[in-house]
Amino acid sequence: MNRVVAVVTRGALASTVLMCTGCAVVAVTGAVVTVAATVVSTGVKATGAVIGAVIPDSKD
């Protein structure tokens, strides 16, 4: 009986570890996407500011 309990406990532990690993991968992927989106957004805003400073507004 103790052997069965040990096997079930190890199986539950292994399942938990595998599920947590999947969650960690999703969390890291989400963080990478957020950082990439922030970098792209900042780059676009900076480029827009430089273009706005270089090209004068036409005021008629």
Protein backbone atom coordinates (compact mmCIF):
# COMPACT_ATOMS: atom_id res chain seq x y z
CA MET A 1 0.00 0.00 0.00
CA ASN A 2 2.83 2.41 0.78
CA ARG A 3 4.33 1.71 -2.62
CA VAL A 4 1.07 2.72 -4.35
CA VAL A 5 0.89 5.93 -2.34
CA ALA A 6 4.50 6.74 -3.25
CA VAL A 7 3.84 6.16 -6.96
CA VAL A 8 0.68 8.29 -6.92
CA THR A 9 2.49 11.04 -4.99
CA ARG A 10 5.37 11.07 -7.47
CA GLY A 11 2.94 11.15 -10.38
CA ALA A 12 1.05 14.07 -8.88
CA LEU A 13 4.31 15.90 -8.22
CA ALA A 14 5.54 15.29 -11.77
CA SER A 15 2.22 16.52 -13.20
CA THR A 16 2.38 19.66 -11.08
CA VAL A 17 5.93 20.40 -12.19
CA LEU A 18 5.01 19.95 -15.85
CA MET A 19 1.96 22.21 -15.53
CA CYS A 20 4.00 24.90 -13.78
CA THR A 21 6.63 24.70 -16.49
CA GLY A 22 3.94 25.38 -19.09
CA CYS A 23 2.71 28.37 -17.09
CA ALA A 24 6.25 29.71 -16.83
CA VAL A 25 6.72 29.44 -20.59
CA VAL A 26 3.49 31.35 -21.20
CA ALA A 27 4.48 34.01 -18.66
CA VAL A 28 7.93 34.49 -20.19
CA THR A 29 6.45 34.61 -23.70
CA GLY A 30 3.95 37.23 -22.57
CA ALA A 31 6.72 39.31 -21.02
CA VAL A 32 8.80 39.12 -24.21
CA VAL A 33 5.84 40.21 -26.34
CA THR A 34 5.13 43.13 -23.97
CA VAL A 35 8.75 44.29 -24.07
CA ALA A 36 8.89 43.98 -27.86
CA ALA A 37 5.66 45.97 -28.24
CA THR A 38 6.98 48.68 -25.93
CA VAL A 39 10.26 48.92 -27.84
CA VAL A 40 8.48 49.16 -31.20
CA SER A 41 6.02 51.75 -29.87
CA THR A 42 8.83 53.86 -28.43
CA GLY A 43 10.78 53.62 -31.69
CA VAL A 44 7.78 54.71 -33.72
CA LYS A 45 7.11 57.67 -31.42
CA ALA A 46 10.77 58.74 -31.53
CA THR A 47 10.85 58.46 -35.32
CA GLY A 48 7.66 60.50 -35.57
CA ALA A 49 9.15 63.19 -33.32
CA VAL A 50 12.34 63.39 -35.41
CA ILE A 51 10.39 63.60 -38.66
CA GLY A 52 8.12 66.25 -37.13
CA ALA A 53 11.15 68.28 -36.08
CA VAL A 54 12.90 67.99 -39.47
CA ILE A 55 9.92 68.65 -41.75
CA PRO A 56 8.44 72.09 -41.08
CA ASP A 57 4.70 72.55 -40.93
CA SER A 58 3.26 74.33 -43.93
CA LYS A 59 1.29 77.33 -42.72
CA ASP A 60 -0.56 79.14 -45.45
